[in-house]
Amino acid sequence: MGRYKREEINLVDVNIDESDLLTMAEAAEMLGLTIPGVSVAVDRGRFTAIIDTEAPPRQGRRLLLRSEVEASLRERKAFETFEQKWEQATPAEDTTPLTDEEASAVVHEVREREQKTVIRG
């Protein structure tokens, strides 16, 4: 086996309702990003790309799962809420940064609270 590998994309049939999909433009609008920004997020694995094999190339072939985009929005909202609370709770003269471990623990706690809210709500 050689050191280098070629990346290949294997397409797998999925049974999904069109209402569960978003175009790149729709996702960009919801997320407040540009289409290229959403494309980068897809390329980095942040979102699952669903390919419309009947669409012409470069004209809306890649679609996104609405549930993933909405989850990303909830995550962002939770983080923004955390930032607002943090600013209110930290005296202006205290500029001591959190360690990576402390920041991860706080973000984890906020995400858990958000999940509980979504499940209950």
N, C-alpha and C. Protein backbone atom coordinates (compact mmCIF):
# COMPACT_ATOMS: atom_id res chain seq x y z
N MET A 1 0.84 -1.18 0.00
CA MET A 1 0.00 0.00 0.00
C MET A 1 0.88 1.24 0.00
N GLY A 2 0.53 2.17 -0.85
CA GLY A 2 1.30 3.39 -0.96
C GLY A 2 0.94 4.40 0.11
N ARG A 3 1.78 5.38 0.23
CA ARG A 3 1.58 6.44 1.22
C ARG A 3 0.43 7.36 0.84
N TYR A 4 0.26 7.62 -0.44
CA TYR A 4 -0.73 8.60 -0.88
C TYR A 4 -1.98 7.92 -1.38
N LYS A 5 -3.10 8.56 -1.11
CA LYS A 5 -4.40 8.03 -1.53
C LYS A 5 -5.16 9.12 -2.28
N ARG A 6 -5.94 8.70 -3.21
CA ARG A 6 -6.79 9.63 -3.96
C ARG A 6 -8.15 9.66 -3.27
N GLU A 7 -8.65 10.87 -3.07
CA GLU A 7 -9.97 11.01 -2.46
C GLU A 7 -11.02 10.75 -3.51
N GLU A 8 -11.99 9.91 -3.18
CA GLU A 8 -13.09 9.62 -4.09
C GLU A 8 -14.40 9.87 -3.35
N ILE A 9 -15.34 10.33 -4.09
CA ILE A 9 -16.66 10.56 -3.52
C ILE A 9 -17.59 9.47 -4.03
N ASN A 10 -18.19 8.77 -3.11
CA ASN A 10 -19.15 7.74 -3.46
C ASN A 10 -20.54 8.26 -3.17
N LEU A 11 -21.40 8.26 -4.16
CA LEU A 11 -22.76 8.72 -3.97
C LEU A 11 -23.63 7.55 -3.54
N VAL A 12 -24.46 7.80 -2.55
CA VAL A 12 -25.35 6.78 -2.01
C VAL A 12 -26.77 7.32 -2.11
N ASP A 13 -27.69 6.50 -2.62
CA ASP A 13 -29.08 6.93 -2.73
C ASP A 13 -29.65 7.21 -1.34
N VAL A 14 -30.39 8.30 -1.22
CA VAL A 14 -31.06 8.64 0.03
C VAL A 14 -32.53 8.91 -0.26
N ASN A 15 -33.36 8.54 0.66
CA ASN A 15 -34.79 8.80 0.55
C ASN A 15 -35.09 9.97 1.47
N ILE A 16 -35.28 11.16 0.90
CA ILE A 16 -35.47 12.36 1.70
C ILE A 16 -36.50 13.25 1.05
N ASP A 17 -37.31 13.87 1.84
CA ASP A 17 -38.34 14.78 1.36
C ASP A 17 -37.69 16.11 0.96
N GLU A 18 -38.15 16.69 -0.13
CA GLU A 18 -37.57 17.95 -0.59
C GLU A 18 -37.68 19.06 0.45
N SER A 19 -38.71 19.00 1.28
CA SER A 19 -38.89 20.04 2.30
C SER A 19 -37.80 19.97 3.38
N ASP A 20 -37.07 18.86 3.43
CA ASP A 20 -35.99 18.70 4.39
C ASP A 20 -34.64 19.18 3.85
N LEU A 21 -34.66 19.76 2.65
CA LEU A 21 -33.43 20.20 1.99
C LEU A 21 -33.43 21.71 1.80
N LEU A 22 -32.24 22.27 1.75
CA LEU A 22 -32.06 23.69 1.46
C LEU A 22 -31.03 23.83 0.36
N THR A 23 -31.22 24.84 -0.48
CA THR A 23 -30.18 25.15 -1.46
C THR A 23 -29.04 25.84 -0.72
N MET A 24 -27.92 25.93 -1.38
CA MET A 24 -26.77 26.63 -0.79
C MET A 24 -27.15 28.09 -0.51
N ALA A 25 -27.90 28.71 -1.42
CA ALA A 25 -28.31 30.10 -1.25
C ALA A 25 -29.24 30.26 -0.04
N GLU A 26 -30.18 29.33 0.13
CA GLU A 26 -31.09 29.40 1.28
C GLU A 26 -30.32 29.23 2.58
N ALA A 27 -29.40 28.28 2.60
CA ALA A 27 -28.59 28.06 3.80
C ALA A 27 -27.73 29.29 4.10
N ALA A 28 -27.15 29.88 3.06
CA ALA A 28 -26.31 31.07 3.24
C ALA A 28 -27.13 32.20 3.85
N GLU A 29 -28.34 32.39 3.35
CA GLU A 29 -29.20 33.45 3.88
C GLU A 29 -29.55 33.19 5.35
N MET A 30 -29.92 31.96 5.67
CA MET A 30 -30.27 31.63 7.05
C MET A 30 -29.09 31.82 8.00
N LEU A 31 -27.89 31.45 7.53
CA LEU A 31 -26.69 31.49 8.38
C LEU A 31 -26.00 32.85 8.37
N GLY A 32 -26.43 33.73 7.47
CA GLY A 32 -25.77 35.02 7.36
C GLY A 32 -24.38 34.91 6.76
N LEU A 33 -24.22 33.94 5.87
CA LEU A 33 -22.93 33.72 5.20
C LEU A 33 -23.09 33.92 3.71
N THR A 34 -21.97 33.91 3.00
CA THR A 34 -22.01 33.91 1.55
C THR A 34 -22.13 32.46 1.08
N ILE A 35 -22.50 32.28 -0.17
CA ILE A 35 -22.57 30.93 -0.73
C ILE A 35 -21.18 30.27 -0.69
N PRO A 36 -20.10 31.00 -1.07
CA PRO A 36 -18.78 30.38 -0.95
C PRO A 36 -18.44 30.01 0.49
N GLY A 37 -18.91 30.79 1.47
CA GLY A 37 -18.67 30.46 2.87
C GLY A 37 -19.36 29.17 3.27
N VAL A 38 -20.59 28.97 2.78
CA VAL A 38 -21.31 27.73 3.05
C VAL A 38 -20.62 26.57 2.36
N SER A 39 -20.14 26.81 1.15
CA SER A 39 -19.44 25.77 0.40
C SER A 39 -18.19 25.30 1.15
N VAL A 40 -17.47 26.24 1.74
CA VAL A 40 -16.28 25.89 2.52
C VAL A 40 -16.70 25.04 3.73
N ALA A 41 -17.80 25.42 4.38
CA ALA A 41 -18.28 24.65 5.53
C ALA A 41 -18.64 23.22 5.12
N VAL A 42 -19.24 23.07 3.94
CA VAL A 42 -19.57 21.74 3.43
C VAL A 42 -18.28 20.97 3.16
N ASP A 43 -17.33 21.61 2.50
CA ASP A 43 -16.06 20.96 2.18
C ASP A 43 -15.30 20.51 3.44
N ARG A 44 -15.48 21.25 4.52
CA ARG A 44 -14.80 20.92 5.77
C ARG A 44 -15.59 19.92 6.62
N GLY A 45 -16.74 19.49 6.10
CA GLY A 45 -17.52 18.47 6.80
C GLY A 45 -18.51 19.00 7.81
N ARG A 46 -18.70 20.30 7.87
CA ARG A 46 -19.65 20.89 8.82
C ARG A 46 -21.09 20.51 8.47
N PHE A 47 -21.38 20.41 7.18
CA PHE A 47 -22.70 20.04 6.71
C PHE A 47 -22.60 18.89 5.73
N THR A 48 -23.64 18.08 5.69
CA THR A 48 -23.71 16.96 4.74
C THR A 48 -24.23 17.48 3.41
N ALA A 49 -23.52 17.20 2.35
CA ALA A 49 -23.98 17.60 1.02
C ALA A 49 -24.87 16.50 0.44
N ILE A 50 -26.04 16.91 -0.02
CA ILE A 50 -26.94 16.01 -0.72
C ILE A 50 -26.91 16.45 -2.17
N ILE A 51 -26.59 15.53 -3.05
CA ILE A 51 -26.42 15.87 -4.47
C ILE A 51 -27.71 15.59 -5.23
N ASP A 52 -28.20 16.62 -5.93
CA ASP A 52 -29.35 16.45 -6.82
C ASP A 52 -28.80 16.06 -8.19
N THR A 53 -28.87 14.79 -8.51
CA THR A 53 -28.26 14.29 -9.74
C THR A 53 -29.00 14.74 -10.99
N GLU A 54 -30.22 15.27 -10.83
CA GLU A 54 -30.97 15.75 -11.99
C GLU A 54 -30.73 17.23 -12.28
N ALA A 55 -30.10 17.94 -11.36
CA ALA A 55 -29.81 19.36 -11.57
C ALA A 55 -28.56 19.50 -12.43
N PRO A 56 -28.52 20.54 -13.26
CA PRO A 56 -27.31 20.76 -14.06
C PRO A 56 -26.12 21.10 -13.15
N PRO A 57 -24.93 20.65 -13.53
CA PRO A 57 -23.75 20.98 -12.74
C PRO A 57 -23.64 22.49 -12.52
N ARG A 58 -23.20 22.87 -11.33
CA ARG A 58 -22.98 24.27 -10.95
C ARG A 58 -24.26 25.09 -10.92
N GLN A 59 -25.40 24.41 -10.85
CA GLN A 59 -26.67 25.13 -10.75
C GLN A 59 -27.56 24.48 -9.69
N GLY A 60 -27.13 24.50 -8.47
CA GLY A 60 -27.95 23.98 -7.40
C GLY A 60 -27.89 22.49 -7.18
N ARG A 61 -26.79 21.87 -7.57
CA ARG A 61 -26.66 20.42 -7.36
C ARG A 61 -26.50 20.05 -5.90
N ARG A 62 -25.72 20.85 -5.18
CA ARG A 62 -25.46 20.52 -3.77
C ARG A 62 -26.53 21.16 -2.89
N LEU A 63 -27.20 20.30 -2.14
CA LEU A 63 -28.23 20.74 -1.21
C LEU A 63 -27.79 20.37 0.20
N LEU A 64 -28.39 21.04 1.18
CA LEU A 64 -28.04 20.79 2.57
C LEU A 64 -29.26 20.31 3.34
N LEU A 65 -28.99 19.56 4.39
CA LEU A 65 -30.07 19.11 5.26
C LEU A 65 -30.54 20.27 6.13
N ARG A 66 -31.82 20.57 6.06
CA ARG A 66 -32.39 21.66 6.85
C ARG A 66 -32.07 21.47 8.34
N SER A 67 -32.16 20.25 8.82
CA SER A 67 -31.93 19.97 10.24
C SER A 67 -30.52 20.36 10.68
N GLU A 68 -29.53 20.15 9.82
CA GLU A 68 -28.14 20.50 10.17
C GLU A 68 -27.96 22.02 10.21
N VAL A 69 -28.57 22.72 9.26
CA VAL A 69 -28.46 24.18 9.23
C VAL A 69 -29.16 24.77 10.45
N GLU A 70 -30.34 24.25 10.77
CA GLU A 70 -31.06 24.74 11.95
C GLU A 70 -30.30 24.43 13.23
N ALA A 71 -29.66 23.28 13.31
CA ALA A 71 -28.84 22.94 14.48
C ALA A 71 -27.67 23.91 14.61
N SER A 72 -27.08 24.28 13.49
CA SER A 72 -25.98 25.23 13.51
C SER A 72 -26.46 26.59 14.02
N LEU A 73 -27.66 26.99 13.62
CA LEU A 73 -28.22 28.25 14.10
C LEU A 73 -28.47 28.20 15.61
N ARG A 74 -28.99 27.08 16.11
CA ARG A 74 -29.22 26.93 17.56
C ARG A 74 -27.90 27.00 18.32
N GLU A 75 -26.88 26.35 17.76
CA GLU A 75 -25.56 26.36 18.39
C GLU A 75 -25.01 27.79 18.44
N ARG A 76 -25.16 28.51 17.36
CA ARG A 76 -24.68 29.89 17.31
C ARG A 76 -25.44 30.75 18.33
N LYS A 77 -26.76 30.55 18.41
CA LYS A 77 -27.57 31.31 19.36
C LYS A 77 -27.11 31.02 20.79
N ALA A 78 -26.84 29.75 21.09
CA ALA A 78 -26.38 29.38 22.43
C ALA A 78 -25.05 30.06 22.73
N PHE A 79 -24.17 30.10 21.75
CA PHE A 79 -22.87 30.74 21.96
C PHE A 79 -23.04 32.24 22.16
N GLU A 80 -23.91 32.87 21.36
CA GLU A 80 -24.14 34.31 21.51
C GLU A 80 -24.72 34.62 22.88
N THR A 81 -25.64 33.77 23.35
CA THR A 81 -26.21 33.94 24.68
C THR A 81 -25.11 33.83 25.73
N PHE A 82 -24.25 32.84 25.55
CA PHE A 82 -23.11 32.67 26.46
C PHE A 82 -22.24 33.93 26.48
N GLU A 83 -21.92 34.45 25.29
CA GLU A 83 -21.08 35.64 25.22
C GLU A 83 -21.72 36.82 25.94
N GLN A 84 -23.04 37.00 25.74
CA GLN A 84 -23.74 38.10 26.40
C GLN A 84 -23.69 37.95 27.91
N LYS A 85 -23.94 36.74 28.39
CA LYS A 85 -23.91 36.50 29.84
C LYS A 85 -22.50 36.69 30.38
N TRP A 86 -21.54 36.27 29.61
CA TRP A 86 -20.14 36.40 30.03
C TRP A 86 -19.77 37.87 30.17
N GLU A 87 -20.17 38.68 29.20
CA GLU A 87 -19.86 40.11 29.26
C GLU A 87 -20.53 40.76 30.47
N GLN A 88 -21.74 40.33 30.79
CA GLN A 88 -22.45 40.89 31.93
C GLN A 88 -21.83 40.46 33.25
N ALA A 89 -21.31 39.24 33.30
CA ALA A 89 -20.80 38.68 34.55
C ALA A 89 -19.35 39.06 34.83
N THR A 90 -18.59 39.49 33.83
CA THR A 90 -17.17 39.77 34.01
C THR A 90 -16.96 41.27 34.21
N PRO A 91 -16.39 41.65 35.33
CA PRO A 91 -16.08 43.07 35.53
C PRO A 91 -15.15 43.58 34.43
N ALA A 92 -15.31 44.82 34.05
CA ALA A 92 -14.52 45.40 32.95
C ALA A 92 -13.02 45.32 33.21
N GLU A 93 -12.61 45.43 34.47
CA GLU A 93 -11.17 45.42 34.76
C GLU A 93 -10.57 44.02 34.75
N ASP A 94 -11.43 42.98 34.77
CA ASP A 94 -10.93 41.61 34.75
C ASP A 94 -10.78 41.14 33.31
N THR A 95 -9.54 41.07 32.87
CA THR A 95 -9.28 40.65 31.49
C THR A 95 -8.53 39.32 31.44
N THR A 96 -8.60 38.55 32.52
CA THR A 96 -7.92 37.27 32.57
C THR A 96 -8.61 36.30 31.62
N PRO A 97 -7.90 35.81 30.61
CA PRO A 97 -8.54 34.89 29.66
C PRO A 97 -8.75 33.51 30.28
N LEU A 98 -9.75 32.81 29.75
CA LEU A 98 -9.97 31.42 30.15
C LEU A 98 -8.92 30.54 29.50
N THR A 99 -8.60 29.47 30.18
CA THR A 99 -7.75 28.46 29.54
C THR A 99 -8.60 27.73 28.51
N ASP A 100 -7.99 27.00 27.61
CA ASP A 100 -8.73 26.22 26.62
C ASP A 100 -9.67 25.23 27.30
N GLU A 101 -9.20 24.63 28.38
CA GLU A 101 -10.02 23.65 29.09
C GLU A 101 -11.24 24.31 29.71
N GLU A 102 -11.05 25.49 30.32
CA GLU A 102 -12.17 26.21 30.93
C GLU A 102 -13.19 26.63 29.87
N ALA A 103 -12.70 27.14 28.76
CA ALA A 103 -13.59 27.57 27.69
C ALA A 103 -14.37 26.39 27.13
N SER A 104 -13.71 25.26 26.94
CA SER A 104 -14.38 24.06 26.43
C SER A 104 -15.47 23.60 27.39
N ALA A 105 -15.18 23.66 28.69
CA ALA A 105 -16.16 23.24 29.70
C ALA A 105 -17.39 24.15 29.66
N VAL A 106 -17.18 25.45 29.52
CA VAL A 106 -18.30 26.39 29.47
C VAL A 106 -19.13 26.16 28.22
N VAL A 107 -18.49 26.02 27.07
CA VAL A 107 -19.22 25.77 25.82
C VAL A 107 -19.99 24.47 25.91
N HIS A 108 -19.38 23.43 26.49
CA HIS A 108 -20.06 22.14 26.65
C HIS A 108 -21.31 22.31 27.52
N GLU A 109 -21.21 23.07 28.60
CA GLU A 109 -22.35 23.29 29.49
C GLU A 109 -23.47 24.03 28.76
N VAL A 110 -23.12 25.04 27.98
CA VAL A 110 -24.13 25.80 27.24
C VAL A 110 -24.81 24.91 26.21
N ARG A 111 -24.05 24.08 25.51
CA ARG A 111 -24.64 23.17 24.52
C ARG A 111 -25.59 22.17 25.18
N GLU A 112 -25.21 21.66 26.35
CA GLU A 112 -26.08 20.73 27.06
C GLU A 112 -27.39 21.40 27.45
N ARG A 113 -27.31 22.63 27.93
CA ARG A 113 -28.53 23.37 28.29
C ARG A 113 -29.40 23.58 27.06
N GLU A 114 -28.77 23.93 25.94
CA GLU A 114 -29.52 24.16 24.70
C GLU A 114 -30.21 22.89 24.25
N GLN A 115 -29.54 21.75 24.33
CA GLN A 115 -30.14 20.48 23.95
C GLN A 115 -31.33 20.17 24.83
N LYS A 116 -31.21 20.39 26.13
CA LYS A 116 -32.32 20.15 27.05
C LYS A 116 -33.49 21.05 26.72
N THR A 117 -33.23 22.30 26.34
CA THR A 117 -34.28 23.24 25.98
C THR A 117 -34.99 22.77 24.72
N VAL A 118 -34.23 22.30 23.72
CA VAL A 118 -34.82 21.83 22.47
C VAL A 118 -35.67 20.60 22.72
N ILE A 119 -35.18 19.68 23.54
CA ILE A 119 -35.91 18.45 23.82
C ILE A 119 -37.20 18.75 24.57
N ARG A 120 -37.14 19.64 25.55
CA ARG A 120 -38.33 19.99 26.33
C ARG A 120 -39.29 20.86 25.55
N GLY A 121 -38.72 21.78 24.72
CA GLY A 121 -39.53 22.75 24.00
C GLY A 121 -40.18 22.13 22.84
